[in-house]
Amino acid sequence: MLPIPDKQVDWFQLLLDVQRKGYTLVNISSAIDVPRTTMLGWRDLEASPRHQDGERLIALWCNVTANQRADLPMTTKWGGLSGFRHG
């Protein structure tokens, strides 16, 4: 049986997109009320945010990038392994 790919938000790319718009991790941390060290875990692919934290970060990303939620950067997870990102 082949594994079924699981699409999920690419938190690394999402944070990078916001940073490219001039926000630092400290700015993002303050805007979404999450400790900077927690965001480092998301960025470094060690963890995913809790639902409410992820929703606040997605809202910030939409506001800062002027993109729609449907445009979120996504990654594919195969059998417990994260897929490759495209630049």
N, C-alpha and C. Protein backbone atom coordinates (compact mmCIF):
# COMPACT_ATOMS: atom_id res chain seq x y z
N MET A 1 0.84 -1.18 0.00
CA MET A 1 0.00 0.00 0.00
C MET A 1 0.89 1.25 0.00
N LEU A 2 0.61 2.17 -0.89
CA LEU A 2 1.38 3.40 -0.99
C LEU A 2 0.89 4.42 0.04
N PRO A 3 1.82 5.19 0.60
CA PRO A 3 1.40 6.23 1.55
C PRO A 3 0.64 7.34 0.82
N ILE A 4 -0.31 7.93 1.50
CA ILE A 4 -1.08 9.04 0.94
C ILE A 4 -0.43 10.34 1.41
N PRO A 5 -0.12 11.24 0.47
CA PRO A 5 0.50 12.50 0.89
C PRO A 5 -0.44 13.34 1.73
N ASP A 6 0.12 14.00 2.72
CA ASP A 6 -0.64 14.84 3.63
C ASP A 6 -0.14 16.27 3.45
N LYS A 7 -0.99 17.16 2.92
CA LYS A 7 -0.61 18.57 2.75
C LYS A 7 -0.76 19.29 4.07
N GLN A 8 0.23 20.13 4.37
CA GLN A 8 0.16 20.94 5.59
C GLN A 8 0.84 22.27 5.32
N VAL A 9 0.53 23.25 6.15
CA VAL A 9 1.13 24.58 6.00
C VAL A 9 2.63 24.46 6.17
N ASP A 10 3.36 25.14 5.31
CA ASP A 10 4.82 25.21 5.40
C ASP A 10 5.15 26.40 6.29
N TRP A 11 5.24 26.15 7.59
CA TRP A 11 5.45 27.23 8.57
C TRP A 11 6.77 27.94 8.34
N PHE A 12 7.79 27.21 7.92
CA PHE A 12 9.09 27.81 7.63
C PHE A 12 8.93 28.88 6.55
N GLN A 13 8.29 28.52 5.44
CA GLN A 13 8.12 29.45 4.33
C GLN A 13 7.21 30.61 4.72
N LEU A 14 6.16 30.32 5.49
CA LEU A 14 5.24 31.36 5.92
C LEU A 14 5.98 32.42 6.76
N LEU A 15 6.79 31.96 7.71
CA LEU A 15 7.57 32.90 8.53
C LEU A 15 8.58 33.66 7.67
N LEU A 16 9.20 32.98 6.73
CA LEU A 16 10.16 33.63 5.83
C LEU A 16 9.48 34.71 5.00
N ASP A 17 8.28 34.43 4.50
CA ASP A 17 7.54 35.42 3.72
C ASP A 17 7.28 36.68 4.55
N VAL A 18 6.88 36.51 5.80
CA VAL A 18 6.60 37.67 6.66
C VAL A 18 7.90 38.42 6.96
N GLN A 19 8.98 37.69 7.19
CA GLN A 19 10.27 38.33 7.46
C GLN A 19 10.75 39.11 6.23
N ARG A 20 10.50 38.60 5.05
CA ARG A 20 10.90 39.31 3.82
C ARG A 20 10.14 40.62 3.65
N LYS A 21 9.03 40.77 4.34
CA LYS A 21 8.27 42.02 4.30
C LYS A 21 8.73 42.98 5.39
N GLY A 22 9.83 42.65 6.06
CA GLY A 22 10.42 43.57 7.02
C GLY A 22 10.17 43.26 8.49
N TYR A 23 9.45 42.21 8.78
CA TYR A 23 9.18 41.83 10.17
C TYR A 23 10.32 40.96 10.71
N THR A 24 10.69 41.21 11.95
CA THR A 24 11.64 40.33 12.63
C THR A 24 10.84 39.29 13.40
N LEU A 25 11.52 38.27 13.90
CA LEU A 25 10.82 37.29 14.73
C LEU A 25 10.25 37.95 15.99
N VAL A 26 10.93 38.95 16.50
CA VAL A 26 10.42 39.68 17.68
C VAL A 26 9.13 40.41 17.31
N ASN A 27 9.09 41.06 16.12
CA ASN A 27 7.86 41.74 15.67
C ASN A 27 6.71 40.75 15.52
N ILE A 28 7.00 39.61 14.88
CA ILE A 28 5.97 38.60 14.66
C ILE A 28 5.49 38.06 16.00
N SER A 29 6.42 37.79 16.89
CA SER A 29 6.10 37.29 18.22
C SER A 29 5.13 38.22 18.94
N SER A 30 5.42 39.51 18.89
CA SER A 30 4.56 40.50 19.54
C SER A 30 3.19 40.56 18.86
N ALA A 31 3.18 40.49 17.54
CA ALA A 31 1.92 40.62 16.79
C ALA A 31 0.97 39.47 17.05
N ILE A 32 1.51 38.27 17.25
CA ILE A 32 0.62 37.11 17.44
C ILE A 32 0.62 36.59 18.88
N ASP A 33 1.37 37.26 19.75
CA ASP A 33 1.40 36.92 21.18
C ASP A 33 1.87 35.48 21.44
N VAL A 34 3.01 35.15 20.84
CA VAL A 34 3.64 33.84 21.01
C VAL A 34 5.12 34.09 21.28
N PRO A 35 5.73 33.38 22.21
CA PRO A 35 7.16 33.58 22.47
C PRO A 35 8.02 33.33 21.21
N ARG A 36 9.04 34.14 21.06
CA ARG A 36 9.95 34.01 19.91
C ARG A 36 10.55 32.61 19.86
N THR A 37 10.88 32.06 21.01
CA THR A 37 11.50 30.73 21.04
C THR A 37 10.54 29.65 20.52
N THR A 38 9.25 29.84 20.75
CA THR A 38 8.26 28.91 20.20
C THR A 38 8.25 28.99 18.68
N MET A 39 8.32 30.21 18.15
CA MET A 39 8.35 30.37 16.70
C MET A 39 9.62 29.78 16.09
N LEU A 40 10.72 29.82 16.84
CA LEU A 40 11.94 29.19 16.34
C LEU A 40 11.72 27.69 16.12
N GLY A 41 10.95 27.06 16.99
CA GLY A 41 10.61 25.66 16.83
C GLY A 41 9.79 25.42 15.57
N TRP A 42 8.85 26.31 15.27
CA TRP A 42 8.06 26.18 14.05
C TRP A 42 8.96 26.37 12.83
N ARG A 43 9.78 27.39 12.88
CA ARG A 43 10.64 27.71 11.74
C ARG A 43 11.63 26.59 11.44
N ASP A 44 12.14 25.99 12.48
CA ASP A 44 13.16 24.95 12.31
C ASP A 44 12.55 23.56 12.11
N LEU A 45 11.24 23.52 11.88
CA LEU A 45 10.51 22.30 11.54
C LEU A 45 10.45 21.28 12.67
N GLU A 46 10.64 21.74 13.88
CA GLU A 46 10.56 20.83 15.01
C GLU A 46 9.14 20.71 15.55
N ALA A 47 8.31 21.67 15.25
CA ALA A 47 6.97 21.68 15.83
C ALA A 47 6.01 22.44 14.92
N SER A 48 4.74 22.22 15.15
CA SER A 48 3.68 22.98 14.48
C SER A 48 2.95 23.77 15.55
N PRO A 49 2.42 24.93 15.18
CA PRO A 49 1.72 25.73 16.18
C PRO A 49 0.40 25.11 16.61
N ARG A 50 -0.03 25.47 17.80
CA ARG A 50 -1.39 25.12 18.22
C ARG A 50 -2.35 25.83 17.27
N HIS A 51 -3.56 25.32 17.17
CA HIS A 51 -4.51 25.85 16.19
C HIS A 51 -4.66 27.37 16.26
N GLN A 52 -4.94 27.88 17.46
CA GLN A 52 -5.19 29.32 17.58
C GLN A 52 -3.95 30.15 17.25
N ASP A 53 -2.76 29.65 17.59
CA ASP A 53 -1.53 30.37 17.26
C ASP A 53 -1.30 30.35 15.76
N GLY A 54 -1.54 29.20 15.15
CA GLY A 54 -1.39 29.09 13.69
C GLY A 54 -2.36 30.01 12.96
N GLU A 55 -3.59 30.10 13.46
CA GLU A 55 -4.58 30.98 12.83
C GLU A 55 -4.15 32.45 12.92
N ARG A 56 -3.59 32.86 14.05
CA ARG A 56 -3.12 34.24 14.18
C ARG A 56 -1.95 34.50 13.24
N LEU A 57 -1.06 33.53 13.10
CA LEU A 57 0.08 33.69 12.20
C LEU A 57 -0.39 33.73 10.74
N ILE A 58 -1.35 32.89 10.40
CA ILE A 58 -1.91 32.91 9.04
C ILE A 58 -2.57 34.25 8.76
N ALA A 59 -3.32 34.79 9.71
CA ALA A 59 -3.97 36.09 9.53
C ALA A 59 -2.92 37.18 9.32
N LEU A 60 -1.83 37.14 10.10
CA LEU A 60 -0.75 38.11 9.91
C LEU A 60 -0.14 37.97 8.53
N TRP A 61 0.13 36.73 8.11
CA TRP A 61 0.71 36.47 6.80
C TRP A 61 -0.18 37.03 5.69
N CYS A 62 -1.49 36.78 5.79
CA CYS A 62 -2.43 37.30 4.78
C CYS A 62 -2.39 38.83 4.74
N ASN A 63 -2.37 39.45 5.92
CA ASN A 63 -2.35 40.90 6.00
C ASN A 63 -1.05 41.49 5.45
N VAL A 64 0.07 40.91 5.82
CA VAL A 64 1.39 41.44 5.44
C VAL A 64 1.70 41.20 3.97
N THR A 65 1.33 40.04 3.46
CA THR A 65 1.68 39.70 2.07
C THR A 65 0.58 40.07 1.08
N ALA A 66 -0.61 40.41 1.56
CA ALA A 66 -1.77 40.70 0.72
C ALA A 66 -2.19 39.47 -0.09
N ASN A 67 -1.86 38.29 0.41
CA ASN A 67 -2.29 37.04 -0.21
C ASN A 67 -3.55 36.54 0.48
N GLN A 68 -4.24 35.64 -0.19
CA GLN A 68 -5.42 35.00 0.36
C GLN A 68 -5.02 33.72 1.08
N ARG A 69 -5.87 33.25 1.95
CA ARG A 69 -5.61 32.00 2.67
C ARG A 69 -5.36 30.84 1.71
N ALA A 70 -6.05 30.85 0.59
CA ALA A 70 -5.87 29.78 -0.42
C ALA A 70 -4.46 29.76 -0.99
N ASP A 71 -3.72 30.85 -0.81
CA ASP A 71 -2.36 30.96 -1.34
C ASP A 71 -1.29 30.54 -0.34
N LEU A 72 -1.70 30.01 0.82
CA LEU A 72 -0.73 29.62 1.84
C LEU A 72 0.34 28.70 1.28
N PRO A 73 1.59 28.89 1.69
CA PRO A 73 2.63 27.95 1.28
C PRO A 73 2.38 26.60 1.94
N MET A 74 2.40 25.57 1.15
CA MET A 74 2.11 24.23 1.65
C MET A 74 3.29 23.31 1.38
N THR A 75 3.38 22.27 2.18
CA THR A 75 4.38 21.23 1.99
C THR A 75 3.66 19.89 2.07
N THR A 76 4.28 18.89 1.52
CA THR A 76 3.69 17.55 1.52
C THR A 76 4.45 16.67 2.49
N LYS A 77 3.70 15.90 3.25
CA LYS A 77 4.29 14.97 4.20
C LYS A 77 3.97 13.56 3.72
N TRP A 78 4.99 12.76 3.50
CA TRP A 78 4.82 11.38 3.04
C TRP A 78 5.25 10.44 4.14
N GLY A 79 4.34 9.64 4.62
CA GLY A 79 4.68 8.61 5.60
C GLY A 79 5.48 9.12 6.78
N GLY A 80 5.16 10.32 7.27
CA GLY A 80 5.84 10.86 8.43
C GLY A 80 7.10 11.66 8.09
N LEU A 81 7.43 11.76 6.81
CA LEU A 81 8.60 12.52 6.41
C LEU A 81 8.15 13.74 5.65
N SER A 82 8.71 14.89 5.97
CA SER A 82 8.34 16.11 5.27
C SER A 82 8.91 16.11 3.87
N GLY A 83 8.16 16.68 2.95
CA GLY A 83 8.61 16.78 1.56
C GLY A 83 9.59 17.91 1.37
N PHE A 84 10.11 17.97 0.18
CA PHE A 84 11.07 19.01 -0.16
C PHE A 84 10.35 20.31 -0.46
N ARG A 85 10.98 21.42 -0.15
CA ARG A 85 10.45 22.74 -0.47
C ARG A 85 10.95 23.17 -1.83
N HIS A 86 10.17 23.96 -2.50
CA HIS A 86 10.65 24.57 -3.74
C HIS A 86 10.89 26.04 -3.45
N GLY A 87 11.94 26.56 -4.04
CA GLY A 87 12.31 27.96 -3.82
C GLY A 87 11.43 28.84 -4.53
